[in-house]
C-alpha atoms as a PDB file:
ATOM      1  CA  UNK A   1     115.896 131.575 105.124  1.00  0.00           C
ATOM      2  CA  UNK A   2     117.658 129.977 108.003  1.00  0.00           C
ATOM      3  CA  UNK A   3     119.364 126.409 107.552  1.00  0.00           C
ATOM      4  CA  UNK A   4     119.496 123.930 110.345  1.00  0.00           C
ATOM      5  CA  UNK A   5     121.653 120.855 109.117  1.00  0.00           C
ATOM      6  CA  UNK A   6     119.795 119.605 105.804  1.00  0.00           C
ATOM      7  CA  UNK A   7     116.743 121.429 106.587  1.00  0.00           C
ATOM      8  CA  UNK A   8     115.665 125.003 105.690  1.00  0.00           C
ATOM      9  CA  UNK A   9     113.356 126.795 107.826  1.00  0.00           C
ATOM     10  CA  UNK A  10     111.315 129.925 105.836  1.00  0.00           C
ATOM     11  CA  UNK A  11     111.407 132.717 108.676  1.00  0.00           C
ATOM     12  CA  UNK A  12     108.466 135.991 109.128  1.00  0.00           C
ATOM     13  CA  UNK A  13     108.906 139.028 111.551  1.00  0.00           C
ATOM     14  CA  UNK A  14     105.779 139.379 113.728  1.00  0.00           C
ATOM     15  CA  UNK A  15     107.294 142.694 115.500  1.00  0.00           C
ATOM     16  CA  UNK A  16     111.228 143.632 115.919  1.00  0.00           C
ATOM     17  CA  UNK A  17     113.033 140.868 117.248  1.00  0.00           C
ATOM     18  CA  UNK A  18     110.557 138.429 117.416  1.00  0.00           C
ATOM     19  CA  UNK A  19     110.736 135.283 114.849  1.00  0.00           C
ATOM     20  CA  UNK A  20     108.493 132.682 113.626  1.00  0.00           C
ATOM     21  CA  UNK A  21     109.384 129.595 112.599  1.00  0.00           C
ATOM     22  CA  UNK A  22     107.211 128.663 109.878  1.00  0.00           C
ATOM     23  CA  UNK A  23     106.703 124.602 108.560  1.00  0.00           C
ATOM     24  CA  UNK A  24     108.547 123.623 105.743  1.00  0.00           C
ATOM     25  CA  UNK A  25     109.769 120.616 103.515  1.00  0.00           C
ATOM     26  CA  UNK A  26     111.815 118.500 104.932  1.00  0.00           C
ATOM     27  CA  UNK A  27     110.961 119.579 108.783  1.00  0.00           C
ATOM     28  CA  UNK A  28     110.216 116.769 111.274  1.00  0.00           C
ATOM     29  CA  UNK A  29     107.004 117.519 113.174  1.00  0.00           C
ATOM     30  CA  UNK A  30     105.240 115.985 116.031  1.00  0.00           C
ATOM     31  CA  UNK A  31     101.372 116.297 115.759  1.00  0.00           C
ATOM     32  CA  UNK A  32      98.267 115.394 117.236  1.00  0.00           C
ATOM     33  CA  UNK A  33      94.789 114.945 115.735  1.00  0.00           C
ATOM     34  CA  UNK A  34      91.350 114.064 115.479  1.00  0.00           C
ATOM     35  CA  UNK A  35      90.219 113.177 112.415  1.00  0.00           C
ATOM     36  CA  UNK A  36      85.850 113.271 111.455  1.00  0.00           C
ATOM     37  CA  UNK A  37      83.796 112.389 108.717  1.00  0.00           C
ATOM     38  CA  UNK A  38      80.922 114.729 107.463  1.00  0.00           C
ATOM     39  CA  UNK A  39      78.889 113.088 110.077  1.00  0.00           C
ATOM     40  CA  UNK A  40      80.687 114.008 113.107  1.00  0.00           C
ATOM     41  CA  UNK A  41      82.152 110.251 112.978  1.00  0.00           C
ATOM     42  CA  UNK A  42      85.457 110.043 114.450  1.00  0.00           C
ATOM     43  CA  UNK A  43      87.828 107.381 112.005  1.00  0.00           C
ATOM     44  CA  UNK A  44      91.638 108.067 113.281  1.00  0.00           C
ATOM     45  CA  UNK A  45      92.649 110.208 116.621  1.00  0.00           C
ATOM     46  CA  UNK A  46      96.325 110.115 118.255  1.00  0.00           C
ATOM     47  CA  UNK A  47      94.292 110.226 121.653  1.00  0.00           C
ATOM     48  CA  UNK A  48      93.829 107.107 123.641  1.00  0.00           C
ATOM     49  CA  UNK A  49      90.548 108.088 125.203  1.00  0.00           C
ATOM     50  CA  UNK A  50      88.792 109.187 122.364  1.00  0.00           C
ATOM     51  CA  UNK A  51      89.948 106.263 120.746  1.00  0.00           C
ATOM     52  CA  UNK A  52      88.133 103.843 123.339  1.00  0.00           C
ATOM     53  CA  UNK A  53      85.193 105.980 123.581  1.00  0.00           C
ATOM     54  CA  UNK A  54      84.241 106.038 119.573  1.00  0.00           C
ATOM     55  CA  UNK A  55      85.339 102.487 119.285  1.00  0.00           C
ATOM     56  CA  UNK A  56      88.418 102.819 117.025  1.00  0.00           C
ATOM     57  CA  UNK A  57      90.660 101.973 119.695  1.00  0.00           C
ATOM     58  CA  UNK A  58      93.738  99.576 118.429  1.00  0.00           C
ATOM     59  CA  UNK A  59      95.865  97.580 121.338  1.00  0.00           C
ATOM     60  CA  UNK A  60      98.653  96.891 118.934  1.00  0.00           C
ATOM     61  CA  UNK A  61      98.610 101.351 118.337  1.00  0.00           C
ATOM     62  CA  UNK A  62     100.786 104.404 119.879  1.00  0.00           C
ATOM     63  CA  UNK A  63      98.934 106.931 121.264  1.00  0.00           C
ATOM     64  CA  UNK A  64     100.165 110.541 122.688  1.00  0.00           C
ATOM     65  CA  UNK A  65     100.811 111.759 118.773  1.00  0.00           C
ATOM     66  CA  UNK A  66     102.767 110.879 115.499  1.00  0.00           C
ATOM     67  CA  UNK A  67     106.173 112.154 114.169  1.00  0.00           C
ATOM     68  CA  UNK A  68     105.723 112.999 110.774  1.00  0.00           C
ATOM     69  CA  UNK A  69     107.752 114.592 107.815  1.00  0.00           C
ATOM     70  CA  UNK A  70     106.601 117.210 105.898  1.00  0.00           C
ATOM     71  CA  UNK A  71     106.585 116.533 102.262  1.00  0.00           C
ATOM     72  CA  UNK A  72     107.286 112.694 101.498  1.00  0.00           C
ATOM     73  CA  UNK A  73     103.484 112.155 101.203  1.00  0.00           C
ATOM     74  CA  UNK A  74     102.986 110.996 105.088  1.00  0.00           C
ATOM     75  CA  UNK A  75      99.371 112.588 105.572  1.00  0.00           C
ATOM     76  CA  UNK A  76      96.856 113.341 103.327  1.00  0.00           C
ATOM     77  CA  UNK A  77      97.364 116.806 101.091  1.00  0.00           C
ATOM     78  CA  UNK A  78      95.007 118.997 102.513  1.00  0.00           C
ATOM     79  CA  UNK A  79      96.092 118.737 106.195  1.00  0.00           C
ATOM     80  CA  UNK A  80      99.870 118.965 104.892  1.00  0.00           C
ATOM     81  CA  UNK A  81      99.004 122.501 103.533  1.00  0.00           C
ATOM     82  CA  UNK A  82      97.663 123.715 106.207  1.00  0.00           C
ATOM     83  CA  UNK A  83     100.763 122.532 108.837  1.00  0.00           C
ATOM     84  CA  UNK A  84     102.547 124.546 106.725  1.00  0.00           C
ATOM     85  CA  UNK A  85     100.952 127.353 107.005  1.00  0.00           C
ATOM     86  CA  UNK A  86     101.181 127.281 111.066  1.00  0.00           C
ATOM     87  CA  UNK A  87     104.159 127.338 113.384  1.00  0.00           C
ATOM     88  CA  UNK A  88     104.873 124.323 116.315  1.00  0.00           C
ATOM     89  CA  UNK A  89     102.427 125.301 118.750  1.00  0.00           C
ATOM     90  CA  UNK A  90      99.596 125.706 116.898  1.00  0.00           C
ATOM     91  CA  UNK A  91      96.232 124.151 117.536  1.00  0.00           C
ATOM     92  CA  UNK A  92      93.057 124.314 114.837  1.00  0.00           C
ATOM     93  CA  UNK A  93      90.900 122.946 112.899  1.00  0.00           C
ATOM     94  CA  UNK A  94      90.518 122.310 108.952  1.00  0.00           C
ATOM     95  CA  UNK A  95      87.960 121.071 106.803  1.00  0.00           C
ATOM     96  CA  UNK A  96      89.434 119.256 103.512  1.00  0.00           C
ATOM     97  CA  UNK A  97      87.580 118.629  99.987  1.00  0.00           C
ATOM     98  CA  UNK A  98      87.365 115.081  98.932  1.00  0.00           C
ATOM     99  CA  UNK A  99      90.138 116.040  95.945  1.00  0.00           C
ATOM    100  CA  UNK A 100      92.674 116.868  99.125  1.00  0.00           C
ATOM    101  CA  UNK A 101      91.183 114.135 101.211  1.00  0.00           C
ATOM    102  CA  UNK A 102      90.775 110.805 100.743  1.00  0.00           C
ATOM    103  CA  UNK A 103      89.618 111.516  96.879  1.00  0.00           C
ATOM    104  CA  UNK A 104      86.744 111.704  94.734  1.00  0.00           C
ATOM    105  CA  UNK A 105      84.372 108.425  94.617  1.00  0.00           C
ATOM    106  CA  UNK A 106      85.387 107.032  91.192  1.00  0.00           C
ATOM    107  CA  UNK A 107      82.421 104.873  89.091  1.00  0.00           C
ATOM    108  CA  UNK A 108      85.368 103.393  87.459  1.00  0.00           C
ATOM    109  CA  UNK A 109      86.152 101.751  91.031  1.00  0.00           C
ATOM    110  CA  UNK A 110      82.779  99.824  90.958  1.00  0.00           C
ATOM    111  CA  UNK A 111      83.296  96.276  88.905  1.00  0.00           C
ATOM    112  CA  UNK A 112      80.864  92.964  88.883  1.00  0.00           C
ATOM    113  CA  UNK A 113      83.510  89.856  89.379  1.00  0.00           C
ATOM    114  CA  UNK A 114      82.493  86.399  89.384  1.00  0.00           C
ATOM    115  CA  UNK A 115      82.060  84.297  92.785  1.00  0.00           C
ATOM    116  CA  UNK A 116      84.494  81.647  92.051  1.00  0.00           C
ATOM    117  CA  UNK A 117      87.191  84.294  92.046  1.00  0.00           C
ATOM    118  CA  UNK A 118      86.312  84.591  95.654  1.00  0.00           C
ATOM    119  CA  UNK A 119      87.700  81.521  98.421  1.00  0.00           C
ATOM    120  CA  UNK A 120      84.672  82.464 100.324  1.00  0.00           C
ATOM    121  CA  UNK A 121      80.937  83.775  99.175  1.00  0.00           C
ATOM    122  CA  UNK A 122      80.804  87.671  99.392  1.00  0.00           C
ATOM    123  CA  UNK A 123      78.264  89.109 102.160  1.00  0.00           C
ATOM    124  CA  UNK A 124      76.859  92.258 101.378  1.00  0.00           C
ATOM    125  CA  UNK A 125      78.501  94.909 103.300  1.00  0.00           C
ATOM    126  CA  UNK A 126      81.738  91.902 103.459  1.00  0.00           C
ATOM    127  CA  UNK A 127      85.418  94.034 103.129  1.00  0.00           C
ATOM    128  CA  UNK A 128      87.301  91.720 100.299  1.00  0.00           C
ATOM    129  CA  UNK A 129      90.758  91.458  99.467  1.00  0.00           C
ATOM    130  CA  UNK A 130      91.198  91.072  95.541  1.00  0.00           C
ATOM    131  CA  UNK A 131      94.234  91.782  93.678  1.00  0.00           C
ATOM    132  CA  UNK A 132      96.052  93.489  96.119  1.00  0.00           C
ATOM    133  CA  UNK A 133      93.305  95.686  96.701  1.00  0.00           C
ATOM    134  CA  UNK A 134      90.359  96.262  99.134  1.00  0.00           C
ATOM    135  CA  UNK A 135      86.530  96.671  98.296  1.00  0.00           C
ATOM    136  CA  UNK A 136      83.489  96.191  99.829  1.00  0.00           C
ATOM    137  CA  UNK A 137      80.629  93.978  99.096  1.00  0.00           C
ATOM    138  CA  UNK A 138      77.715  96.413  97.410  1.00  0.00           C
ATOM    139  CA  UNK A 139      75.525  93.784  96.430  1.00  0.00           C
ATOM    140  CA  UNK A 140      75.504  89.474  95.542  1.00  0.00           C
ATOM    141  CA  UNK A 141      73.825  89.125  92.115  1.00  0.00           C
ATOM    142  CA  UNK A 142      73.657  85.616  91.074  1.00  0.00           C
ATOM    143  CA  UNK A 143      77.119  83.977  90.468  1.00  0.00           C
ATOM    144  CA  UNK A 144      78.401  87.274  90.782  1.00  0.00           C
ATOM    145  CA  UNK A 145      79.134  90.193  93.026  1.00  0.00           C
ATOM    146  CA  UNK A 146      79.317  93.846  92.894  1.00  0.00           C
ATOM    147  CA  UNK A 147      82.257  95.743  94.575  1.00  0.00           C
ATOM    148  CA  UNK A 148      83.403  99.099  95.463  1.00  0.00           C
ATOM    149  CA  UNK A 149      86.953  99.667  95.615  1.00  0.00           C
ATOM    150  CA  UNK A 150      87.309 103.374  96.465  1.00  0.00           C
ATOM    151  CA  UNK A 151      88.085 104.062  99.568  1.00  0.00           C
ATOM    152  CA  UNK A 152      85.418 104.096 102.457  1.00  0.00           C
ATOM    153  CA  UNK A 153      86.248 107.701 102.814  1.00  0.00           C
ATOM    154  CA  UNK A 154      86.153 108.969  98.723  1.00  0.00           C
ATOM    155  CA  UNK A 155      83.801 111.839  98.201  1.00  0.00           C
ATOM    156  CA  UNK A 156      83.683 113.415 102.035  1.00  0.00           C
ATOM    157  CA  UNK A 157      84.869 116.420 102.991  1.00  0.00           C
ATOM    158  CA  UNK A 158      87.017 115.132 106.391  1.00  0.00           C
ATOM    159  CA  UNK A 159      88.169 117.230 109.162  1.00  0.00           C
ATOM    160  CA  UNK A 160      90.922 117.374 111.488  1.00  0.00           C
ATOM    161  CA  UNK A 161      91.507 119.406 114.586  1.00  0.00           C
ATOM    162  CA  UNK A 162      95.162 118.952 115.156  1.00  0.00           C
ATOM    163  CA  UNK A 163      98.019 120.783 117.752  1.00  0.00           C
ATOM    164  CA  UNK A 164     101.481 121.271 116.101  1.00  0.00           C
ATOM    165  CA  UNK A 165     103.308 119.900 119.079  1.00  0.00           C
ATOM    166  CA  UNK A 166     106.503 120.452 118.540  1.00  0.00           C
ATOM    167  CA  UNK A 167     109.213 120.568 115.326  1.00  0.00           C
ATOM    168  CA  UNK A 168     112.170 118.215 116.203  1.00  0.00           C
ATOM    169  CA  UNK A 169     115.489 119.383 115.169  1.00  0.00           C
ATOM    170  CA  UNK A 170     117.353 116.280 117.789  1.00  0.00           C
ATOM    171  CA  UNK A 171     118.498 113.514 115.701  1.00  0.00           C
ATOM    172  CA  UNK A 172     117.210 110.926 118.453  1.00  0.00           C
ATOM    173  CA  UNK A 173     114.071 112.118 118.500  1.00  0.00           C
ATOM    174  CA  UNK A 174     113.610 112.588 114.643  1.00  0.00           C
ATOM    175  CA  UNK A 175     114.977 108.650 113.893  1.00  0.00           C
ATOM    176  CA  UNK A 176     112.817 107.179 117.397  1.00  0.00           C
ATOM    177  CA  UNK A 177     110.241 109.095 115.987  1.00  0.00           C
ATOM    178  CA  UNK A 178     110.453 107.531 112.462  1.00  0.00           C
ATOM    179  CA  UNK A 179     110.827 104.305 114.111  1.00  0.00           C
ATOM    180  CA  UNK A 180     107.734 104.653 116.107  1.00  0.00           C
ATOM    181  CA  UNK A 181     105.874 105.562 112.972  1.00  0.00           C
ATOM    182  CA  UNK A 182     106.608 102.457 110.960  1.00  0.00           C
ATOM    183  CA  UNK A 183     106.303  99.908 114.212  1.00  0.00           C
ATOM    184  CA  UNK A 184     103.956 101.520 116.457  1.00  0.00           C
ATOM    185  CA  UNK A 185     106.060 101.780 119.263  1.00  0.00           C
ATOM    186  CA  UNK A 186     109.294 103.685 120.502  1.00  0.00           C
ATOM    187  CA  UNK A 187     112.377 101.906 119.687  1.00  0.00           C
ATOM    188  CA  UNK A 188     116.143 101.720 121.478  1.00  0.00           C
ATOM    189  CA  UNK A 189     117.584 103.638 119.450  1.00  0.00           C
ATOM    190  CA  UNK A 190     121.164 105.116 120.150  1.00  0.00           C
ATOM    191  CA  UNK A 191     123.097 107.850 118.079  1.00  0.00           C
ATOM    192  CA  UNK A 192     127.096 108.008 117.733  1.00  0.00           C
ATOM    193  CA  UNK A 193     127.330 111.162 115.435  1.00  0.00           C
ATOM    194  CA  UNK A 194     125.997 110.374 112.620  1.00  0.00           C
ATOM    195  CA  UNK A 195     125.930 106.432 113.286  1.00  0.00           C
ATOM    196  CA  UNK A 196     122.125 105.248 114.560  1.00  0.00           C
ATOM    197  CA  UNK A 197     122.143 101.781 116.463  1.00  0.00           C
ATOM    198  CA  UNK A 198     118.913 100.371 116.663  1.00  0.00           C
ATOM    199  CA  UNK A 199     118.169  97.766 119.349  1.00  0.00           C
ATOM    200  CA  UNK A 200     115.826  95.058 117.951  1.00  0.00           C
ATOM    201  CA  UNK A 201     113.951  93.687 119.868  1.00  0.00           C
ATOM    202  CA  UNK A 202     113.506  89.274 119.151  1.00  0.00           C
ATOM    203  CA  UNK A 203     110.190  89.369 118.712  1.00  0.00           C
ATOM    204  CA  UNK A 204     110.273  91.075 115.532  1.00  0.00           C
ATOM    205  CA  UNK A 205     111.887  88.355 114.184  1.00  0.00           C
ATOM    206  CA  UNK A 206     108.443  86.370 113.525  1.00  0.00           C
ATOM    207  CA  UNK A 207     107.011  90.102 112.193  1.00  0.00           C
ATOM    208  CA  UNK A 208     106.495  90.009 108.669  1.00  0.00           C
ATOM    209  CA  UNK A 209     105.535  93.959 108.892  1.00  0.00           C
ATOM    210  CA  UNK A 210     109.276  94.069 110.352  1.00  0.00           C
ATOM    211  CA  UNK A 211     111.004  92.314 107.645  1.00  0.00           C
ATOM    212  CA  UNK A 212     108.908  93.792 104.756  1.00  0.00           C
ATOM    213  CA  UNK A 213     109.427  97.851 106.462  1.00  0.00           C
ATOM    214  CA  UNK A 214     112.970  97.600 108.120  1.00  0.00           C
ATOM    215  CA  UNK A 215     114.758  98.359 104.675  1.00  0.00           C
ATOM    216  CA  UNK A 216     112.443 101.802 104.050  1.00  0.00           C
ATOM    217  CA  UNK A 217     112.680 102.755 107.384  1.00  0.00           C
ATOM    218  CA  UNK A 218     116.758 103.151 107.242  1.00  0.00           C
ATOM    219  CA  UNK A 219     116.158 104.687 103.446  1.00  0.00           C
ATOM    220  CA  UNK A 220     113.947 107.726 105.432  1.00  0.00           C
ATOM    221  CA  UNK A 221     116.379 108.022 108.156  1.00  0.00           C
ATOM    222  CA  UNK A 222     119.431 108.163 106.059  1.00  0.00           C
ATOM    223  CA  UNK A 223     117.454 110.540 103.348  1.00  0.00           C
ATOM    224  CA  UNK A 224     115.516 112.840 105.534  1.00  0.00           C
ATOM    225  CA  UNK A 225     117.985 113.023 108.605  1.00  0.00           C
ATOM    226  CA  UNK A 226     121.805 114.206 109.105  1.00  0.00           C
ATOM    227  CA  UNK A 227     122.537 110.006 109.569  1.00  0.00           C
ATOM    228  CA  UNK A 228     124.790 108.358 107.662  1.00  0.00           C
ATOM    229  CA  UNK A 229     124.924 104.367 108.795  1.00  0.00           C
ATOM    230  CA  UNK A 230     121.815 102.909 110.187  1.00  0.00           C
ATOM    231  CA  UNK A 231     122.868  99.540 111.961  1.00  0.00           C
ATOM    232  CA  UNK A 232     120.526  97.144 112.975  1.00  0.00           C
ATOM    233  CA  UNK A 233     121.291  95.063 116.538  1.00  0.00           C
ATOM    234  CA  UNK A 234     120.113  92.091 117.394  1.00  0.00           C
ATOM    235  CA  UNK A 235     121.386  90.991 121.031  1.00  0.00           C
ATOM    236  CA  UNK A 236     120.662  87.189 122.304  1.00  0.00           C
ATOM    237  CA  UNK A 237     121.919  86.164 125.721  1.00  0.00           C
ATOM    238  CA  UNK A 238     120.503  82.615 127.270  1.00  0.00           C
ATOM    239  CA  UNK A 239     118.435  83.990 129.285  1.00  0.00           C
ATOM    240  CA  UNK A 240     116.734  85.714 126.330  1.00  0.00           C
ATOM    241  CA  UNK A 241     116.540  82.500 124.556  1.00  0.00           C
ATOM    242  CA  UNK A 242     114.590  80.653 127.339  1.00  0.00           C
ATOM    243  CA  UNK A 243     111.030  79.869 126.877  1.00  0.00           C
ATOM    244  CA  UNK A 244     109.050  80.827 129.122  1.00  0.00           C
ATOM    245  CA  UNK A 245     108.165  78.360 132.172  1.00  0.00           C
ATOM    246  CA  UNK A 246     104.335  78.446 131.751  1.00  0.00           C
ATOM    247  CA  UNK A 247     104.681  77.814 127.827  1.00  0.00           C
ATOM    248  CA  UNK A 248     107.374  74.836 128.697  1.00  0.00           C
ATOM    249  CA  UNK A 249     105.230  73.215 131.500  1.00  0.00           C
ATOM    250  CA  UNK A 250     102.223  73.353 129.083  1.00  0.00           C
ATOM    251  CA  UNK A 251     104.038  71.872 126.165  1.00  0.00           C
ATOM    252  CA  UNK A 252     105.559  68.764 128.530  1.00  0.00           C
ATOM    253  CA  UNK A 253     101.776  68.718 129.745  1.00  0.00           C
ATOM    254  CA  UNK A 254     100.955  68.261 126.117  1.00  0.00           C
ATOM    255  CA  UNK A 255     103.858  65.723 125.265  1.00  0.00           C
ATOM    256  CA  UNK A 256     102.864  63.917 128.282  1.00  0.00           C
ATOM    257  CA  UNK A 257      98.807  63.311 127.760  1.00  0.00           C
ATOM    258  CA  UNK A 258     100.086  62.268 123.964  1.00  0.00           C
ATOM    259  CA  UNK A 259     102.211  59.272 125.056  1.00  0.00           C
ATOM    260  CA  UNK A 260     100.177  58.184 127.452  1.00  0.00           C
ATOM    261  CA  UNK A 261      98.391  55.265 125.820  1.00  0.00           C
ATOM    262  CA  UNK A 262      94.628  54.892 125.629  1.00  0.00           C
ATOM    263  CA  UNK A 263      93.103  52.705 127.807  1.00  0.00           C
ATOM    264  CA  UNK A 264      91.478  49.814 126.579  1.00  0.00           C
ATOM    265  CA  UNK A 265      87.434  49.825 126.652  1.00  0.00           C
ATOM    266  CA  UNK A 266      85.786  47.355 129.220  1.00  0.00           C
ATOM    267  CA  UNK A 267      84.567  44.073 127.093  1.00  0.00           C
ATOM    268  CA  UNK A 268      80.837  42.685 128.273  1.00  0.00           C
ATOM    269  CA  UNK A 269      80.867  39.228 129.131  1.00  0.00           C
ATOM    270  CA  UNK A 270      79.284  36.648 126.838  1.00  0.00           C
ATOM    271  CA  UNK A 271      75.084  37.098 127.170  1.00  0.00           C
ATOM    272  CA  UNK A 272      75.304  40.072 129.084  1.00  0.00           C
ATOM    273  CA  UNK A 273      73.036  42.592 127.937  1.00  0.00           C
END
């Protein structure tokens, strides 16, 4: 076993002088993949073209591969187990049973609920939020709706075509990879020794996801890398704070419209029809 930083690598020898580094707990890897259901339906991919062809493209998503930490539950168990059997550069396919994918389908997660508990009347096939859980409406019966709170992929054998692009060792690559995993975009991160300076885009201030995520992102950087400090930096300049010219013009036009008095209606002369 070989130690690098705070991560241990298991080595195996294929022939004298050749060492292959297998993947272990705590490793940062970059992986590209495409996930399929039993009927061949593609439900997830890091390939932008594949996503567009199969109508699952997300304009806010990030394509080209994900950075994942092995051993911290960032992927389904069956895929992680298979990855740990291989090394950087491996490309292959794995079929994963439900118990190591998205779980078996449980009858106890199917519930009948009164319609009055929903803001709008549920329709069959609709996905609804209820007590922080998402369920699919199976049936509407009088004053009740039957919902399935199982994962839509529960009970299915999942297949992944994947490639281990690299095992990351550079501290900056790890930090940038974690930022992209949380925010679906590469962030501007500078590394000075064991201190990370994360330059936060101003628009993040309006994202609830960022406000909920930044503490966990910093914790992961400190826990799983050699970083000892994470600084979140917001930089303001007059130029950055200026409103967009088009938005400003539109706002002025709206204010002008509101300030103009309504034209009086023309009154008919007495006796005119």
